[in-house]
């Protein structure tokens, strides 16, 4: 019987230790939350941030010019293909226009999204 008594004693102690609620912290912390309005990008914190913006704007305009050139070349191939009886060129011109439109959306979307996020 001593083994059973020891087991039940240990079980009772574990049960009371598990059910005991932890003590409240002193002093009680205040729930202020996180102030997300204080997080803002600071361009002055980076050295030569103006050069970074110049490079990014230059890449943006090069991407837009490339997308418009692809759209124009695709439109020309799509229009000229049936005239000469080359349906393959017409189909490739049509797919080139779709790809150029998709590239234009991919290039333009991040600029609009980041601009909107910086204004919030």
PDB file of N, CA and C in Angstrom:
ATOM      1  N   UNK A   1       0.776  -1.198   0.000  1.00  0.00           N
ATOM      2  CA  UNK A   1       0.000   0.000   0.000  1.00  0.00           C
ATOM      3  C   UNK A   1       0.827   1.276   0.000  1.00  0.00           C
ATOM      4  N   UNK A   2       2.054   1.261   0.475  1.00  0.00           N
ATOM      5  CA  UNK A   2       2.791   2.513   0.499  1.00  0.00           C
ATOM      6  C   UNK A   2       3.030   3.055  -0.912  1.00  0.00           C
ATOM      7  N   UNK A   3       3.143   2.197  -1.919  1.00  0.00           N
ATOM      8  CA  UNK A   3       3.354   2.679  -3.279  1.00  0.00           C
ATOM      9  C   UNK A   3       2.106   3.381  -3.779  1.00  0.00           C
ATOM     10  N   UNK A   4       0.945   2.842  -3.528  1.00  0.00           N
ATOM     11  CA  UNK A   4      -0.301   3.458  -3.971  1.00  0.00           C
ATOM     12  C   UNK A   4      -0.518   4.781  -3.257  1.00  0.00           C
ATOM     13  N   UNK A   5      -0.203   4.861  -1.997  1.00  0.00           N
ATOM     14  CA  UNK A   5      -0.357   6.108  -1.245  1.00  0.00           C
ATOM     15  C   UNK A   5       0.601   7.164  -1.783  1.00  0.00           C
ATOM     16  N   UNK A   6       1.788   6.771  -2.124  1.00  0.00           N
ATOM     17  CA  UNK A   6       2.759   7.713  -2.655  1.00  0.00           C
ATOM     18  C   UNK A   6       2.320   8.213  -4.032  1.00  0.00           C
ATOM     19  N   UNK A   7       1.806   7.311  -4.862  1.00  0.00           N
ATOM     20  CA  UNK A   7       1.338   7.699  -6.183  1.00  0.00           C
ATOM     21  C   UNK A   7       0.157   8.661  -6.090  1.00  0.00           C
ATOM     22  N   UNK A   8      -0.800   8.382  -5.209  1.00  0.00           N
ATOM     23  CA  UNK A   8      -1.952   9.271  -5.089  1.00  0.00           C
ATOM     24  C   UNK A   8      -1.538  10.611  -4.497  1.00  0.00           C
ATOM     25  N   UNK A   9      -0.550  10.601  -3.603  1.00  0.00           N
ATOM     26  CA  UNK A   9      -0.059  11.860  -3.035  1.00  0.00           C
ATOM     27  C   UNK A   9       0.591  12.719  -4.123  1.00  0.00           C
ATOM     28  N   UNK A  10       1.394  12.103  -4.973  1.00  0.00           N
ATOM     29  CA  UNK A  10       2.048  12.825  -6.068  1.00  0.00           C
ATOM     30  C   UNK A  10       1.002  13.323  -7.062  1.00  0.00           C
ATOM     31  N   UNK A  11       0.015  12.496  -7.353  1.00  0.00           N
ATOM     32  CA  UNK A  11      -1.036  12.900  -8.280  1.00  0.00           C
ATOM     33  C   UNK A  11      -1.823  14.080  -7.734  1.00  0.00           C
ATOM     34  N   UNK A  12      -2.116  14.099  -6.448  1.00  0.00           N
ATOM     35  CA  UNK A  12      -2.849  15.209  -5.843  1.00  0.00           C
ATOM     36  C   UNK A  12      -2.016  16.485  -5.886  1.00  0.00           C
ATOM     37  N   UNK A  13      -0.727  16.377  -5.622  1.00  0.00           N
ATOM     38  CA  UNK A  13       0.134  17.563  -5.668  1.00  0.00           C
ATOM     39  C   UNK A  13       0.247  18.130  -7.083  1.00  0.00           C
ATOM     40  N   UNK A  14       0.377  17.246  -8.067  1.00  0.00           N
ATOM     41  CA  UNK A  14       0.453  17.697  -9.464  1.00  0.00           C
ATOM     42  C   UNK A  14      -0.863  18.341  -9.867  1.00  0.00           C
ATOM     43  N   UNK A  15      -1.962  17.761  -9.465  1.00  0.00           N
ATOM     44  CA  UNK A  15      -3.278  18.292  -9.809  1.00  0.00           C
ATOM     45  C   UNK A  15      -3.466  19.698  -9.236  1.00  0.00           C
ATOM     46  N   UNK A  16      -3.105  19.911  -7.988  1.00  0.00           N
ATOM     47  CA  UNK A  16      -3.251  21.242  -7.392  1.00  0.00           C
ATOM     48  C   UNK A  16      -2.262  22.235  -7.987  1.00  0.00           C
ATOM     49  N   UNK A  17      -1.083  21.776  -8.359  1.00  0.00           N
ATOM     50  CA  UNK A  17      -0.099  22.681  -8.962  1.00  0.00           C
ATOM     51  C   UNK A  17      -0.542  23.111 -10.349  1.00  0.00           C
ATOM     52  N   UNK A  18      -1.176  22.215 -11.072  1.00  0.00           N
ATOM     53  CA  UNK A  18      -1.628  22.541 -12.423  1.00  0.00           C
ATOM     54  C   UNK A  18      -2.829  23.468 -12.365  1.00  0.00           C
ATOM     55  N   UNK A  19      -3.738  23.246 -11.430  1.00  0.00           N
ATOM     56  CA  UNK A  19      -4.951  24.050 -11.359  1.00  0.00           C
ATOM     57  C   UNK A  19      -4.741  25.406 -10.699  1.00  0.00           C
ATOM     58  N   UNK A  20      -3.632  25.617 -10.014  1.00  0.00           N
ATOM     59  CA  UNK A  20      -3.397  26.889  -9.346  1.00  0.00           C
ATOM     60  C   UNK A  20      -3.130  27.965 -10.402  1.00  0.00           C
ATOM     61  N   UNK A  21      -3.860  29.067 -10.300  1.00  0.00           N
ATOM     62  CA  UNK A  21      -3.701  30.163 -11.252  1.00  0.00           C
ATOM     63  C   UNK A  21      -2.439  30.946 -10.927  1.00  0.00           C
ATOM     64  N   UNK A  22      -1.761  31.447 -11.944  1.00  0.00           N
ATOM     65  CA  UNK A  22      -0.569  32.242 -11.670  1.00  0.00           C
ATOM     66  C   UNK A  22      -0.958  33.566 -11.014  1.00  0.00           C
ATOM     67  N   UNK A  23      -0.060  34.096 -10.231  1.00  0.00           N
ATOM     68  CA  UNK A  23      -0.322  35.359  -9.545  1.00  0.00           C
ATOM     69  C   UNK A  23      -0.319  36.513 -10.538  1.00  0.00           C
ATOM     70  N   UNK A  24      -1.134  37.529 -10.239  1.00  0.00           N
ATOM     71  CA  UNK A  24      -1.180  38.711 -11.089  1.00  0.00           C
ATOM     72  C   UNK A  24       0.129  39.487 -10.951  1.00  0.00           C
ATOM     73  N   UNK A  25       0.634  40.024 -12.066  1.00  0.00           N
ATOM     74  CA  UNK A  25       1.885  40.779 -11.977  1.00  0.00           C
ATOM     75  C   UNK A  25       1.671  42.098 -11.238  1.00  0.00           C
ATOM     76  N   UNK A  26       2.713  42.538 -10.530  1.00  0.00           N
ATOM     77  CA  UNK A  26       2.633  43.802  -9.811  1.00  0.00           C
ATOM     78  C   UNK A  26       3.735  44.699 -10.321  1.00  0.00           C
ATOM     79  N   UNK A  27       3.524  45.877 -10.742  1.00  0.00           N
ATOM     80  CA  UNK A  27       2.247  46.544 -10.966  1.00  0.00           C
ATOM     81  C   UNK A  27       1.583  46.040 -12.238  1.00  0.00           C
ATOM     82  N   UNK A  28       0.307  46.262 -12.355  1.00  0.00           N
ATOM     83  CA  UNK A  28      -0.449  45.796 -13.510  1.00  0.00           C
ATOM     84  C   UNK A  28      -0.017  46.585 -14.746  1.00  0.00           C
ATOM     85  N   UNK A  29       0.398  45.884 -15.825  1.00  0.00           N
ATOM     86  CA  UNK A  29       0.834  46.613 -17.023  1.00  0.00           C
ATOM     87  C   UNK A  29      -0.355  47.276 -17.720  1.00  0.00           C
ATOM     88  N   UNK A  30      -0.096  48.427 -18.301  1.00  0.00           N
ATOM     89  CA  UNK A  30      -1.144  49.110 -19.051  1.00  0.00           C
ATOM     90  C   UNK A  30      -1.093  48.643 -20.502  1.00  0.00           C
ATOM     91  N   UNK A  31      -2.252  48.445 -21.093  1.00  0.00           N
ATOM     92  CA  UNK A  31      -2.345  47.985 -22.482  1.00  0.00           C
ATOM     93  C   UNK A  31      -2.375  49.196 -23.396  1.00  0.00           C
ATOM     94  N   UNK A  32      -1.205  49.630 -23.814  1.00  0.00           N
ATOM     95  CA  UNK A  32      -1.145  50.792 -24.694  1.00  0.00           C
ATOM     96  C   UNK A  32      -1.191  50.386 -26.160  1.00  0.00           C
ATOM     97  N   UNK A  33      -0.741  49.205 -26.494  1.00  0.00           N
ATOM     98  CA  UNK A  33      -0.698  48.776 -27.893  1.00  0.00           C
ATOM     99  C   UNK A  33       0.503  49.378 -28.605  1.00  0.00           C
ATOM    100  N   UNK A  34       0.636  49.065 -29.863  1.00  0.00           N
ATOM    101  CA  UNK A  34       1.755  49.551 -30.661  1.00  0.00           C
ATOM    102  C   UNK A  34       1.274  50.687 -31.536  1.00  0.00           C
ATOM    103  N   UNK A  35       1.984  51.779 -31.557  1.00  0.00           N
ATOM    104  CA  UNK A  35       1.600  52.947 -32.336  1.00  0.00           C
ATOM    105  C   UNK A  35       2.204  52.847 -33.734  1.00  0.00           C
ATOM    106  N   UNK A  36       1.411  52.378 -34.680  1.00  0.00           N
ATOM    107  CA  UNK A  36       1.889  52.173 -36.044  1.00  0.00           C
ATOM    108  C   UNK A  36       2.067  53.490 -36.792  1.00  0.00           C
ATOM    109  N   UNK A  37       1.506  54.577 -36.292  1.00  0.00           N
ATOM    110  CA  UNK A  37       1.649  55.857 -36.987  1.00  0.00           C
ATOM    111  C   UNK A  37       3.050  56.429 -36.841  1.00  0.00           C
ATOM    112  N   UNK A  38       3.836  55.906 -35.910  1.00  0.00           N
ATOM    113  CA  UNK A  38       5.188  56.416 -35.700  1.00  0.00           C
ATOM    114  C   UNK A  38       6.205  55.789 -36.655  1.00  0.00           C
ATOM    115  N   UNK A  39       5.804  54.773 -37.387  1.00  0.00           N
ATOM    116  CA  UNK A  39       6.721  54.108 -38.314  1.00  0.00           C
ATOM    117  C   UNK A  39       6.604  54.775 -39.670  1.00  0.00           C
ATOM    118  N   UNK A  40       7.619  55.469 -40.067  1.00  0.00           N
ATOM    119  CA  UNK A  40       7.672  56.159 -41.348  1.00  0.00           C
ATOM    120  C   UNK A  40       9.066  55.984 -41.944  1.00  0.00           C
ATOM    121  N   UNK A  41       9.176  55.869 -43.258  1.00  0.00           N
ATOM    122  CA  UNK A  41      10.510  55.828 -43.856  1.00  0.00           C
ATOM    123  C   UNK A  41      11.160  57.205 -43.756  1.00  0.00           C
ATOM    124  N   UNK A  42      12.438  57.216 -43.495  1.00  0.00           N
ATOM    125  CA  UNK A  42      13.178  58.459 -43.369  1.00  0.00           C
ATOM    126  C   UNK A  42      14.251  58.501 -44.445  1.00  0.00           C
ATOM    127  N   UNK A  43      13.997  59.188 -45.569  1.00  0.00           N
ATOM    128  CA  UNK A  43      14.998  59.234 -46.639  1.00  0.00           C
ATOM    129  C   UNK A  43      16.288  59.931 -46.223  1.00  0.00           C
ATOM    130  N   UNK A  44      16.219  60.840 -45.251  1.00  0.00           N
ATOM    131  CA  UNK A  44      17.417  61.548 -44.829  1.00  0.00           C
ATOM    132  C   UNK A  44      18.355  60.651 -44.020  1.00  0.00           C
ATOM    133  N   UNK A  45      17.849  59.509 -43.524  1.00  0.00           N
ATOM    134  CA  UNK A  45      18.688  58.620 -42.727  1.00  0.00           C
ATOM    135  C   UNK A  45      19.680  57.845 -43.598  1.00  0.00           C
ATOM    136  N   UNK A  46      19.398  57.716 -44.877  1.00  0.00           N
ATOM    137  CA  UNK A  46      20.294  57.004 -45.788  1.00  0.00           C
ATOM    138  C   UNK A  46      21.214  57.993 -46.495  1.00  0.00           C
ATOM    139  N   UNK A  47      22.469  57.662 -46.632  1.00  0.00           N
ATOM    140  CA  UNK A  47      23.349  58.556 -47.393  1.00  0.00           C
ATOM    141  C   UNK A  47      23.046  58.455 -48.883  1.00  0.00           C
ATOM    142  N   UNK A  48      23.013  59.578 -49.540  1.00  0.00           N
ATOM    143  CA  UNK A  48      22.774  59.676 -50.985  1.00  0.00           C
ATOM    144  C   UNK A  48      21.468  59.010 -51.400  1.00  0.00           C
ATOM    145  N   UNK A  49      20.386  59.267 -50.658  1.00  0.00           N
ATOM    146  CA  UNK A  49      19.098  58.664 -51.014  1.00  0.00           C
ATOM    147  C   UNK A  49      18.548  59.268 -52.295  1.00  0.00           C
ATOM    148  N   UNK A  50      18.926  60.486 -52.618  1.00  0.00           N
ATOM    149  CA  UNK A  50      18.469  61.105 -53.860  1.00  0.00           C
ATOM    150  C   UNK A  50      18.961  60.342 -55.081  1.00  0.00           C
ATOM    151  N   UNK A  51      20.196  59.821 -55.007  1.00  0.00           N
ATOM    152  CA  UNK A  51      20.734  59.044 -56.117  1.00  0.00           C
ATOM    153  C   UNK A  51      19.949  57.748 -56.298  1.00  0.00           C
ATOM    154  N   UNK A  52      19.522  57.140 -55.187  1.00  0.00           N
ATOM    155  CA  UNK A  52      18.713  55.924 -55.264  1.00  0.00           C
ATOM    156  C   UNK A  52      17.390  56.206 -55.976  1.00  0.00           C
ATOM    157  N   UNK A  53      16.732  57.313 -55.601  1.00  0.00           N
ATOM    158  CA  UNK A  53      15.462  57.657 -56.245  1.00  0.00           C
ATOM    159  C   UNK A  53      15.656  57.979 -57.719  1.00  0.00           C
ATOM    160  N   UNK A  54      16.765  58.609 -58.066  1.00  0.00           N
ATOM    161  CA  UNK A  54      17.046  58.912 -59.471  1.00  0.00           C
ATOM    162  C   UNK A  54      17.229  57.629 -60.277  1.00  0.00           C
ATOM    163  N   UNK A  55      17.973  56.668 -59.717  1.00  0.00           N
ATOM    164  CA  UNK A  55      18.170  55.393 -60.418  1.00  0.00           C
ATOM    165  C   UNK A  55      16.855  54.626 -60.577  1.00  0.00           C
ATOM    166  N   UNK A  56      16.044  54.605 -59.534  1.00  0.00           N
ATOM    167  CA  UNK A  56      14.784  53.872 -59.600  1.00  0.00           C
ATOM    168  C   UNK A  56      13.833  54.528 -60.597  1.00  0.00           C
ATOM    169  N   UNK A  57      13.778  55.852 -60.609  1.00  0.00           N
ATOM    170  CA  UNK A  57      12.920  56.528 -61.586  1.00  0.00           C
ATOM    171  C   UNK A  57      13.418  56.293 -63.009  1.00  0.00           C
ATOM    172  N   UNK A  58      14.748  56.278 -63.192  1.00  0.00           N
ATOM    173  CA  UNK A  58      15.287  55.981 -64.517  1.00  0.00           C
ATOM    174  C   UNK A  58      14.926  54.574 -64.977  1.00  0.00           C
ATOM    175  N   UNK A  59      15.023  53.597 -64.073  1.00  0.00           N
ATOM    176  CA  UNK A  59      14.636  52.222 -64.412  1.00  0.00           C
ATOM    177  C   UNK A  59      13.144  52.117 -64.703  1.00  0.00           C
ATOM    178  N   UNK A  60      12.344  52.879 -63.970  1.00  0.00           N
ATOM    179  CA  UNK A  60      10.910  52.882 -64.217  1.00  0.00           C
ATOM    180  C   UNK A  60      10.608  53.377 -65.631  1.00  0.00           C
ATOM    181  N   UNK A  61      11.219  54.487 -66.030  1.00  0.00           N
ATOM    182  CA  UNK A  61      10.961  55.016 -67.367  1.00  0.00           C
ATOM    183  C   UNK A  61      11.508  54.101 -68.455  1.00  0.00           C
ATOM    184  N   UNK A  62      12.659  53.466 -68.211  1.00  0.00           N
ATOM    185  CA  UNK A  62      13.161  52.504 -69.198  1.00  0.00           C
ATOM    186  C   UNK A  62      12.210  51.318 -69.341  1.00  0.00           C
ATOM    187  N   UNK A  63      11.653  50.859 -68.233  1.00  0.00           N
ATOM    188  CA  UNK A  63      10.687  49.761 -68.290  1.00  0.00           C
ATOM    189  C   UNK A  63       9.416  50.145 -69.024  1.00  0.00           C
ATOM    190  N   UNK A  64       8.952  51.366 -68.797  1.00  0.00           N
ATOM    191  CA  UNK A  64       7.743  51.821 -69.497  1.00  0.00           C
ATOM    192  C   UNK A  64       8.010  51.944 -70.985  1.00  0.00           C
ATOM    193  N   UNK A  65       9.184  52.476 -71.358  1.00  0.00           N
ATOM    194  CA  UNK A  65       9.537  52.593 -72.779  1.00  0.00           C
ATOM    195  C   UNK A  65       9.643  51.205 -73.414  1.00  0.00           C
ATOM    196  N   UNK A  66      10.236  50.239 -72.697  1.00  0.00           N
ATOM    197  CA  UNK A  66      10.351  48.879 -73.237  1.00  0.00           C
ATOM    198  C   UNK A  66       8.975  48.249 -73.410  1.00  0.00           C
ATOM    199  N   UNK A  67       8.076  48.455 -72.438  1.00  0.00           N
ATOM    200  CA  UNK A  67       6.736  47.878 -72.555  1.00  0.00           C
ATOM    201  C   UNK A  67       5.970  48.507 -73.712  1.00  0.00           C
ATOM    202  N   UNK A  68       6.072  49.823 -73.875  1.00  0.00           N
ATOM    203  CA  UNK A  68       5.378  50.474 -74.989  1.00  0.00           C
ATOM    204  C   UNK A  68       5.976  50.070 -76.336  1.00  0.00           C
ATOM    205  N   UNK A  69       7.296  49.889 -76.375  1.00  0.00           N
ATOM    206  CA  UNK A  69       7.924  49.425 -77.624  1.00  0.00           C
ATOM    207  C   UNK A  69       7.465  48.014 -77.976  1.00  0.00           C
ATOM    208  N   UNK A  70       7.385  47.152 -76.975  1.00  0.00           N
ATOM    209  CA  UNK A  70       6.889  45.796 -77.229  1.00  0.00           C
ATOM    210  C   UNK A  70       5.440  45.805 -77.670  1.00  0.00           C
ATOM    211  N   UNK A  71       4.635  46.686 -77.087  1.00  0.00           N
ATOM    212  CA  UNK A  71       3.234  46.796 -77.495  1.00  0.00           C
ATOM    213  C   UNK A  71       3.122  47.287 -78.932  1.00  0.00           C
ATOM    214  N   UNK A  72       3.936  48.283 -79.300  1.00  0.00           N
ATOM    215  CA  UNK A  72       3.902  48.802 -80.672  1.00  0.00           C
ATOM    216  C   UNK A  72       4.404  47.752 -81.667  1.00  0.00           C
ATOM    217  N   UNK A  73       5.486  47.048 -81.333  1.00  0.00           N
ATOM    218  CA  UNK A  73       5.996  46.014 -82.236  1.00  0.00           C
ATOM    219  C   UNK A  73       4.998  44.881 -82.387  1.00  0.00           C
ATOM    220  N   UNK A  74       4.335  44.513 -81.302  1.00  0.00           N
ATOM    221  CA  UNK A  74       3.314  43.465 -81.388  1.00  0.00           C
ATOM    222  C   UNK A  74       2.134  43.897 -82.232  1.00  0.00           C
ATOM    223  N   UNK A  75       1.724  45.158 -82.098  1.00  0.00           N
ATOM    224  CA  UNK A  75       0.604  45.660 -82.907  1.00  0.00           C
ATOM    225  C   UNK A  75       0.969  45.687 -84.382  1.00  0.00           C
ATOM    226  N   UNK A  76       2.206  46.072 -84.688  1.00  0.00           N
ATOM    227  CA  UNK A  76       2.648  46.094 -86.089  1.00  0.00           C
ATOM    228  C   UNK A  76       2.669  44.673 -86.651  1.00  0.00           C
ATOM    229  N   UNK A  77       3.231  43.730 -85.897  1.00  0.00           N
ATOM    230  CA  UNK A  77       3.286  42.342 -86.376  1.00  0.00           C
ATOM    231  C   UNK A  77       1.884  41.753 -86.499  1.00  0.00           C
ATOM    232  N   UNK A  78       1.004  42.091 -85.569  1.00  0.00           N
ATOM    233  CA  UNK A  78      -0.368  41.588 -85.620  1.00  0.00           C
ATOM    234  C   UNK A  78      -1.120  42.156 -86.821  1.00  0.00           C
ATOM    235  N   UNK A  79      -0.833  43.414 -87.166  1.00  0.00           N
ATOM    236  CA  UNK A  79      -1.516  44.031 -88.307  1.00  0.00           C
ATOM    237  C   UNK A  79      -0.912  43.653 -89.653  1.00  0.00           C
ATOM    238  N   UNK A  80       0.397  43.472 -89.703  1.00  0.00           N
ATOM    239  CA  UNK A  80       1.076  43.194 -90.978  1.00  0.00           C
ATOM    240  C   UNK A  80       0.993  41.716 -91.345  1.00  0.00           C
ATOM    241  N   UNK A  81       0.907  40.833 -90.361  1.00  0.00           N
ATOM    242  CA  UNK A  81       0.892  39.395 -90.619  1.00  0.00           C
ATOM    243  C   UNK A  81      -0.176  38.956 -91.600  1.00  0.00           C
ATOM    244  N   UNK A  82      -1.447  39.323 -91.400  1.00  0.00           N
ATOM    245  CA  UNK A  82      -2.481  38.875 -92.354  1.00  0.00           C
ATOM    246  C   UNK A  82      -2.330  39.469 -93.751  1.00  0.00           C
ATOM    247  N   UNK A  83      -1.713  40.644 -93.844  1.00  0.00           N
ATOM    248  CA  UNK A  83      -1.539  41.278 -95.157  1.00  0.00           C
ATOM    249  C   UNK A  83      -0.632  40.423 -96.038  1.00  0.00           C
ATOM    250  N   UNK A  84       0.414  39.874 -95.448  1.00  0.00           N
ATOM    251  CA  UNK A  84       1.361  39.057 -96.211  1.00  0.00           C
ATOM    252  C   UNK A  84       1.053  37.574 -96.125  1.00  0.00           C
ATOM    253  N   UNK A  85      -0.019  37.199 -95.480  1.00  0.00           N
ATOM    254  CA  UNK A  85      -0.400  35.799 -95.375  1.00  0.00           C
ATOM    255  C   UNK A  85       0.435  35.025 -94.369  1.00  0.00           C
ATOM    256  N   UNK A  86       0.996  35.692 -93.412  1.00  0.00           N
ATOM    257  CA  UNK A  86       1.831  35.044 -92.399  1.00  0.00           C
ATOM    258  C   UNK A  86       1.064  35.022 -91.078  1.00  0.00           C
ATOM    259  N   UNK A  87       0.289  33.963 -90.902  1.00  0.00           N
ATOM    260  CA  UNK A  87      -0.518  33.887 -89.681  1.00  0.00           C
ATOM    261  C   UNK A  87       0.347  33.654 -88.441  1.00  0.00           C
ATOM    262  N   UNK A  88       1.521  33.049 -88.608  1.00  0.00           N
ATOM    263  CA  UNK A  88       2.415  32.823 -87.462  1.00  0.00           C
ATOM    264  C   UNK A  88       2.899  34.162 -86.907  1.00  0.00           C
ATOM    265  N   UNK A  89       3.259  35.080 -87.800  1.00  0.00           N
ATOM    266  CA  UNK A  89       3.707  36.401 -87.353  1.00  0.00           C
ATOM    267  C   UNK A  89       2.565  37.136 -86.665  1.00  0.00           C
ATOM    268  N   UNK A  90       1.353  36.987 -87.196  1.00  0.00           N
ATOM    269  CA  UNK A  90       0.196  37.635 -86.582  1.00  0.00           C
ATOM    270  C   UNK A  90      -0.062  37.079 -85.178  1.00  0.00           C
ATOM    271  N   UNK A  91       0.033  35.759 -85.033  1.00  0.00           N
ATOM    272  CA  UNK A  91      -0.164  35.155 -83.704  1.00  0.00           C
ATOM    273  C   UNK A  91       0.928  35.573 -82.723  1.00  0.00           C
ATOM    274  N   UNK A  92       2.155  35.630 -83.201  1.00  0.00           N
ATOM    275  CA  UNK A  92       3.249  36.067 -82.317  1.00  0.00           C
ATOM    276  C   UNK A  92       3.103  37.539 -81.944  1.00  0.00           C
ATOM    277  N   UNK A  93       2.614  38.342 -82.868  1.00  0.00           N
ATOM    278  CA  UNK A  93       2.375  39.757 -82.555  1.00  0.00           C
ATOM    279  C   UNK A  93       1.286  39.909 -81.505  1.00  0.00           C
ATOM    280  N   UNK A  94       0.251  39.078 -81.610  1.00  0.00           N
ATOM    281  CA  UNK A  94      -0.820  39.138 -80.614  1.00  0.00           C
ATOM    282  C   UNK A  94      -0.307  38.732 -79.238  1.00  0.00           C
ATOM    283  N   UNK A  95       0.484  37.664 -79.164  1.00  0.00           N
ATOM    284  CA  UNK A  95       1.033  37.246 -77.865  1.00  0.00           C
ATOM    285  C   UNK A  95       2.037  38.273 -77.341  1.00  0.00           C
ATOM    286  N   UNK A  96       2.762  38.953 -78.255  1.00  0.00           N
ATOM    287  CA  UNK A  96       3.694  39.982 -77.830  1.00  0.00           C
ATOM    288  C   UNK A  96       2.939  41.167 -77.214  1.00  0.00           C
ATOM    289  N   UNK A  97       1.786  41.502 -77.766  1.00  0.00           N
ATOM    290  CA  UNK A  97       0.991  42.594 -77.191  1.00  0.00           C
ATOM    291  C   UNK A  97       0.499  42.224 -75.798  1.00  0.00           C
ATOM    292  N   UNK A  98       0.043  40.973 -75.609  1.00  0.00           N
ATOM    293  CA  UNK A  98      -0.401  40.542 -74.278  1.00  0.00           C
ATOM    294  C   UNK A  98       0.743  40.591 -73.268  1.00  0.00           C
ATOM    295  N   UNK A  99       1.918  40.119 -73.683  1.00  0.00           N
ATOM    296  CA  UNK A  99       3.066  40.123 -72.777  1.00  0.00           C
ATOM    297  C   UNK A  99       3.500  41.549 -72.429  1.00  0.00           C
ATOM    298  N   UNK A 100       3.510  42.429 -73.428  1.00  0.00           N
ATOM    299  CA  UNK A 100       3.905  43.812 -73.173  1.00  0.00           C
ATOM    300  C   UNK A 100       2.900  44.500 -72.246  1.00  0.00           C
ATOM    301  N   UNK A 101       1.625  44.212 -72.422  1.00  0.00           N
ATOM    302  CA  UNK A 101       0.619  44.761 -71.506  1.00  0.00           C
ATOM    303  C   UNK A 101       0.804  44.253 -70.096  1.00  0.00           C
ATOM    304  N   UNK A 102       1.122  42.974 -69.954  1.00  0.00           N
ATOM    305  CA  UNK A 102       1.360  42.406 -68.631  1.00  0.00           C
ATOM    306  C   UNK A 102       2.610  43.019 -67.991  1.00  0.00           C
ATOM    307  N   UNK A 103       3.658  43.218 -68.776  1.00  0.00           N
ATOM    308  CA  UNK A 103       4.874  43.852 -68.257  1.00  0.00           C
ATOM    309  C   UNK A 103       4.575  45.284 -67.820  1.00  0.00           C
ATOM    310  N   UNK A 104       3.756  46.004 -68.581  1.00  0.00           N
ATOM    311  CA  UNK A 104       3.400  47.375 -68.201  1.00  0.00           C
ATOM    312  C   UNK A 104       2.639  47.397 -66.880  1.00  0.00           C
ATOM    313  N   UNK A 105       1.748  46.429 -66.678  1.00  0.00           N
ATOM    314  CA  UNK A 105       1.012  46.359 -65.406  1.00  0.00           C
ATOM    315  C   UNK A 105       1.956  46.005 -64.259  1.00  0.00           C
ATOM    316  N   UNK A 106       2.880  45.076 -64.495  1.00  0.00           N
ATOM    317  CA  UNK A 106       3.827  44.677 -63.452  1.00  0.00           C
ATOM    318  C   UNK A 106       4.752  45.842 -63.103  1.00  0.00           C
ATOM    319  N   UNK A 107       5.159  46.627 -64.081  1.00  0.00           N
ATOM    320  CA  UNK A 107       6.039  47.760 -63.814  1.00  0.00           C
ATOM    321  C   UNK A 107       5.283  48.883 -63.106  1.00  0.00           C
ATOM    322  N   UNK A 108       4.058  49.145 -63.513  1.00  0.00           N
ATOM    323  CA  UNK A 108       3.310  50.270 -62.947  1.00  0.00           C
ATOM    324  C   UNK A 108       2.694  49.999 -61.594  1.00  0.00           C
ATOM    325  N   UNK A 109       2.356  48.761 -61.300  1.00  0.00           N
ATOM    326  CA  UNK A 109       1.667  48.452 -60.048  1.00  0.00           C
ATOM    327  C   UNK A 109       2.505  48.713 -58.808  1.00  0.00           C
ATOM    328  N   UNK A 110       3.760  48.283 -58.729  1.00  0.00           N
ATOM    329  CA  UNK A 110       4.515  48.542 -57.492  1.00  0.00           C
ATOM    330  C   UNK A 110       4.671  50.023 -57.190  1.00  0.00           C
ATOM    331  N   UNK A 111       4.792  50.849 -58.223  1.00  0.00           N
ATOM    332  CA  UNK A 111       4.938  52.279 -57.991  1.00  0.00           C
ATOM    333  C   UNK A 111       3.666  52.828 -57.342  1.00  0.00           C
ATOM    334  N   UNK A 112       2.509  52.415 -57.840  1.00  0.00           N
ATOM    335  CA  UNK A 112       1.251  52.881 -57.264  1.00  0.00           C
ATOM    336  C   UNK A 112       1.048  52.331 -55.861  1.00  0.00           C
ATOM    337  N   UNK A 113       1.374  51.059 -55.641  1.00  0.00           N
ATOM    338  CA  UNK A 113       1.189  50.446 -54.328  1.00  0.00           C
ATOM    339  C   UNK A 113       2.102  51.072 -53.290  1.00  0.00           C
ATOM    340  N   UNK A 114       3.380  51.269 -53.618  1.00  0.00           N
ATOM    341  CA  UNK A 114       4.321  51.863 -52.665  1.00  0.00           C
ATOM    342  C   UNK A 114       3.951  53.319 -52.401  1.00  0.00           C
ATOM    343  N   UNK A 115       3.523  54.042 -53.427  1.00  0.00           N
ATOM    344  CA  UNK A 115       3.077  55.436 -53.231  1.00  0.00           C
ATOM    345  C   UNK A 115       1.878  55.511 -52.313  1.00  0.00           C
ATOM    346  N   UNK A 116       0.943  54.575 -52.453  1.00  0.00           N
ATOM    347  CA  UNK A 116      -0.229  54.556 -51.574  1.00  0.00           C
ATOM    348  C   UNK A 116       0.175  54.213 -50.143  1.00  0.00           C
ATOM    349  N   UNK A 117       1.100  53.253 -49.979  1.00  0.00           N
ATOM    350  CA  UNK A 117       1.534  52.869 -48.633  1.00  0.00           C
ATOM    351  C   UNK A 117       2.280  53.999 -47.932  1.00  0.00           C
ATOM    352  N   UNK A 118       3.052  54.772 -48.681  1.00  0.00           N
ATOM    353  CA  UNK A 118       3.801  55.865 -48.059  1.00  0.00           C
ATOM    354  C   UNK A 118       2.882  57.018 -47.644  1.00  0.00           C
ATOM    355  N   UNK A 119       1.726  57.149 -48.280  1.00  0.00           N
ATOM    356  CA  UNK A 119       0.796  58.208 -47.909  1.00  0.00           C
ATOM    357  C   UNK A 119      -0.058  57.832 -46.704  1.00  0.00           C
ATOM    358  N   UNK A 120      -0.138  56.554 -46.385  1.00  0.00           N
ATOM    359  CA  UNK A 120      -0.974  56.124 -45.266  1.00  0.00           C
ATOM    360  C   UNK A 120      -0.350  56.419 -43.938  1.00  0.00           C
TER     361      UNK A 120
END
